[in-house]
N, C-alpha and C. Protein backbone atom coordinates (compact mmCIF):
# COMPACT_ATOMS: atom_id res chain seq x y z
N UNK A 1 10.56 -5.13 8.78
CA UNK A 1 8.48 -5.45 8.20
C UNK A 1 8.50 -6.04 8.27
N UNK A 2 6.99 -6.37 9.10
CA UNK A 2 6.62 -7.57 9.85
C UNK A 2 5.67 -7.15 9.81
N UNK A 3 3.87 -8.07 10.14
CA UNK A 3 2.64 -7.77 9.79
C UNK A 3 2.17 -6.83 10.96
N UNK A 4 1.23 -6.41 10.70
CA UNK A 4 0.64 -5.08 10.96
C UNK A 4 1.49 -4.05 10.87
N UNK A 5 2.48 -3.84 10.29
CA UNK A 5 3.02 -2.69 9.68
C UNK A 5 2.36 -1.45 9.36
N UNK A 6 1.83 -0.54 9.72
CA UNK A 6 1.11 0.78 8.96
C UNK A 6 2.51 1.25 7.71
N UNK A 7 2.21 0.69 5.90
CA UNK A 7 3.05 0.79 5.09
C UNK A 7 2.07 2.22 4.30
N UNK A 8 3.19 2.63 3.82
CA UNK A 8 3.03 4.23 2.70
C UNK A 8 3.59 3.44 1.59
N UNK A 9 2.63 2.98 0.37
CA UNK A 9 3.41 2.41 -0.97
C UNK A 9 2.91 3.82 -2.30
N UNK A 10 4.19 3.41 -3.47
CA UNK A 10 3.98 3.99 -3.93
C UNK A 10 3.56 2.86 -4.81
N UNK A 11 2.82 2.83 -5.69
CA UNK A 11 2.56 1.51 -6.77
C UNK A 11 2.30 2.35 -7.89
N UNK A 12 3.34 1.24 -9.33
CA UNK A 12 3.51 1.95 -10.66
C UNK A 12 2.09 2.53 -10.63
N UNK A 13 1.98 4.01 -11.99
CA UNK A 13 0.83 4.90 -12.29
C UNK A 13 0.66 5.88 -11.14
N UNK A 14 1.97 6.10 -10.17
CA UNK A 14 1.86 7.43 -9.67
C UNK A 14 0.96 6.68 -8.53
N UNK A 15 0.38 6.43 -8.71
CA UNK A 15 -1.18 6.04 -7.04
C UNK A 15 0.11 6.08 -5.77
N UNK A 16 -1.06 6.05 -4.52
CA UNK A 16 0.46 6.54 -3.12
C UNK A 16 -1.08 5.67 -2.68
N UNK A 17 -0.96 5.07 -1.79
CA UNK A 17 -2.12 3.97 -0.94
C UNK A 17 -0.84 3.87 0.81
N UNK A 18 -1.93 4.06 1.80
CA UNK A 18 -1.36 3.07 3.12
C UNK A 18 -2.29 2.95 4.02
N UNK A 19 -2.50 1.74 4.01
CA UNK A 19 -2.41 0.87 5.20
C UNK A 19 -1.42 -0.31 5.96
N UNK A 20 -1.86 -0.90 6.99
CA UNK A 20 -1.52 -1.86 7.28
C UNK A 20 -1.28 -3.71 6.79
N UNK A 21 -0.73 -3.73 6.31
CA UNK A 21 0.56 -4.93 5.85
C UNK A 21 -0.47 -5.88 7.11
N UNK A 22 -0.95 -7.06 5.88
CA UNK A 22 -1.39 -7.99 5.90
C UNK A 22 -0.58 -9.15 4.98
N UNK A 23 -0.08 -9.22 4.20
CA UNK A 23 0.67 -10.56 3.78
C UNK A 23 1.65 -10.12 2.95
N UNK A 24 3.07 -10.90 2.56
CA UNK A 24 4.10 -10.89 1.81
C UNK A 24 4.73 -11.96 1.68
N UNK A 25 4.99 -11.75 -0.18
CA UNK A 25 6.06 -12.78 -0.20
C UNK A 25 7.45 -12.03 -0.59
N UNK A 26 8.26 -13.84 -1.57
CA UNK A 26 9.80 -13.16 -1.47
C UNK A 26 9.74 -12.30 -3.22
N UNK A 27 8.36 -11.91 -3.67
CA UNK A 27 8.53 -11.07 -4.76
C UNK A 27 8.31 -10.24 -4.38
N UNK A 28 7.55 -9.83 -3.56
CA UNK A 28 7.45 -8.71 -3.17
C UNK A 28 6.12 -8.27 -3.25
N UNK A 29 4.85 -9.84 -4.04
CA UNK A 29 3.88 -9.15 -3.74
C UNK A 29 3.31 -8.31 -1.71
N UNK A 30 1.64 -8.20 -2.41
CA UNK A 30 1.82 -7.48 -1.15
C UNK A 30 0.51 -7.83 -1.12
N UNK A 31 -0.04 -7.79 0.72
CA UNK A 31 -1.72 -7.60 0.67
C UNK A 31 -1.61 -6.08 1.28
N UNK A 32 -2.32 -5.56 1.57
CA UNK A 32 -2.07 -4.09 2.58
C UNK A 32 -3.80 -4.06 2.89
N UNK A 33 -4.15 -4.03 3.99
CA UNK A 33 -5.81 -3.66 4.28
C UNK A 33 -6.17 -2.53 5.10
N UNK A 34 -7.18 -2.12 5.31
CA UNK A 34 -7.45 -0.53 5.75
C UNK A 34 -7.20 0.20 4.68
N UNK A 35 -6.46 0.03 3.38
CA UNK A 35 -6.06 1.67 2.60
C UNK A 35 -6.66 2.81 2.93
N UNK A 36 -5.69 3.42 2.64
CA UNK A 36 -6.62 5.08 2.63
C UNK A 36 -5.49 5.15 0.94
N UNK A 37 -6.46 6.05 -0.03
CA UNK A 37 -5.91 6.13 -1.15
C UNK A 37 -5.52 7.90 -1.43
N UNK A 38 -3.72 8.06 -1.38
CA UNK A 38 -3.75 9.52 -0.64
C UNK A 38 -3.66 10.35 -2.37
N UNK A 39 -4.70 11.29 -2.41
CA UNK A 39 -4.71 11.94 -3.69
C UNK A 39 -4.14 13.55 -3.65
N UNK A 40 -4.13 14.10 -5.12
CA UNK A 40 -3.05 15.41 -4.80
C UNK A 40 -4.31 16.27 -3.65
N UNK A 41 -3.34 17.41 -3.79
CA UNK A 41 -3.72 18.38 -2.16
C UNK A 41 -4.50 17.86 -1.14
N UNK A 42 -4.32 16.58 -0.97
CA UNK A 42 -4.17 16.18 0.59
C UNK A 42 -5.60 15.16 0.74
N UNK A 43 -6.24 14.79 -0.19
CA UNK A 43 -7.64 14.50 -0.46
C UNK A 43 -7.23 13.17 -0.10
N UNK A 44 -7.81 12.21 0.62
CA UNK A 44 -7.76 10.91 0.88
C UNK A 44 -9.04 9.85 0.95
N UNK A 45 -9.24 8.76 0.43
CA UNK A 45 -9.89 7.73 -0.48
C UNK A 45 -9.53 6.60 0.40
N UNK A 46 -10.77 6.27 1.64
CA UNK A 46 -10.67 4.97 1.55
C UNK A 46 -10.96 3.84 0.57
N UNK A 47 -10.38 2.51 0.56
CA UNK A 47 -10.65 2.36 -0.87
C UNK A 47 -10.40 0.49 -0.11
N UNK A 48 -10.44 0.13 1.44
CA UNK A 48 -10.06 -1.58 1.19
C UNK A 48 -8.82 -1.88 1.45
N UNK A 49 -8.95 -3.16 0.81
CA UNK A 49 -7.99 -3.78 0.42
C UNK A 49 -6.87 -3.51 -0.67
N UNK A 50 -6.11 -4.09 -0.88
CA UNK A 50 -4.84 -3.62 -1.48
C UNK A 50 -4.35 -4.53 -2.08
N UNK A 51 -4.29 -5.62 -3.22
CA UNK A 51 -3.35 -6.51 -3.49
C UNK A 51 -2.59 -6.50 -4.36
N UNK A 52 -1.40 -6.18 -3.87
CA UNK A 52 0.15 -5.50 -5.42
C UNK A 52 0.90 -6.81 -6.06
N UNK A 53 0.53 -7.72 -6.99
CA UNK A 53 1.47 -7.97 -7.93
C UNK A 53 2.51 -7.24 -8.76
N UNK A 54 2.99 -6.27 -8.37
CA UNK A 54 3.24 -5.33 -9.08
C UNK A 54 4.45 -4.96 -8.62
N UNK A 55 5.51 -3.91 -9.33
CA UNK A 55 6.76 -3.29 -8.45
C UNK A 55 6.63 -1.98 -7.60
N UNK A 56 6.40 -2.35 -6.58
CA UNK A 56 6.07 -0.58 -5.64
C UNK A 56 7.58 -0.79 -5.39
N UNK A 57 7.13 0.54 -4.57
CA UNK A 57 8.30 0.92 -3.91
C UNK A 57 7.75 1.31 -1.92
N UNK A 58 8.20 0.66 -1.27
CA UNK A 58 7.88 0.75 0.06
C UNK A 58 8.30 2.18 0.30
N UNK A 59 7.43 2.48 1.64
CA UNK A 59 8.06 3.98 2.75
C UNK A 59 7.20 3.30 3.87
N UNK A 60 8.69 3.00 4.82
CA UNK A 60 7.85 2.25 5.43
C UNK A 60 7.77 3.69 6.84
């Protein structure tokens, strides 16, 4: 996992976002930029930057 990698991240609450990794720390806090939220039925919404401080599941 390195900076500028494109990640697909599943967040708590069933949300799924995909974007460019901008930062992380040893506690798995993530900063993901240029995010698309993947909705049901293939719907995609541009949401910009996501800062996740919760449990996540990474799909690289």
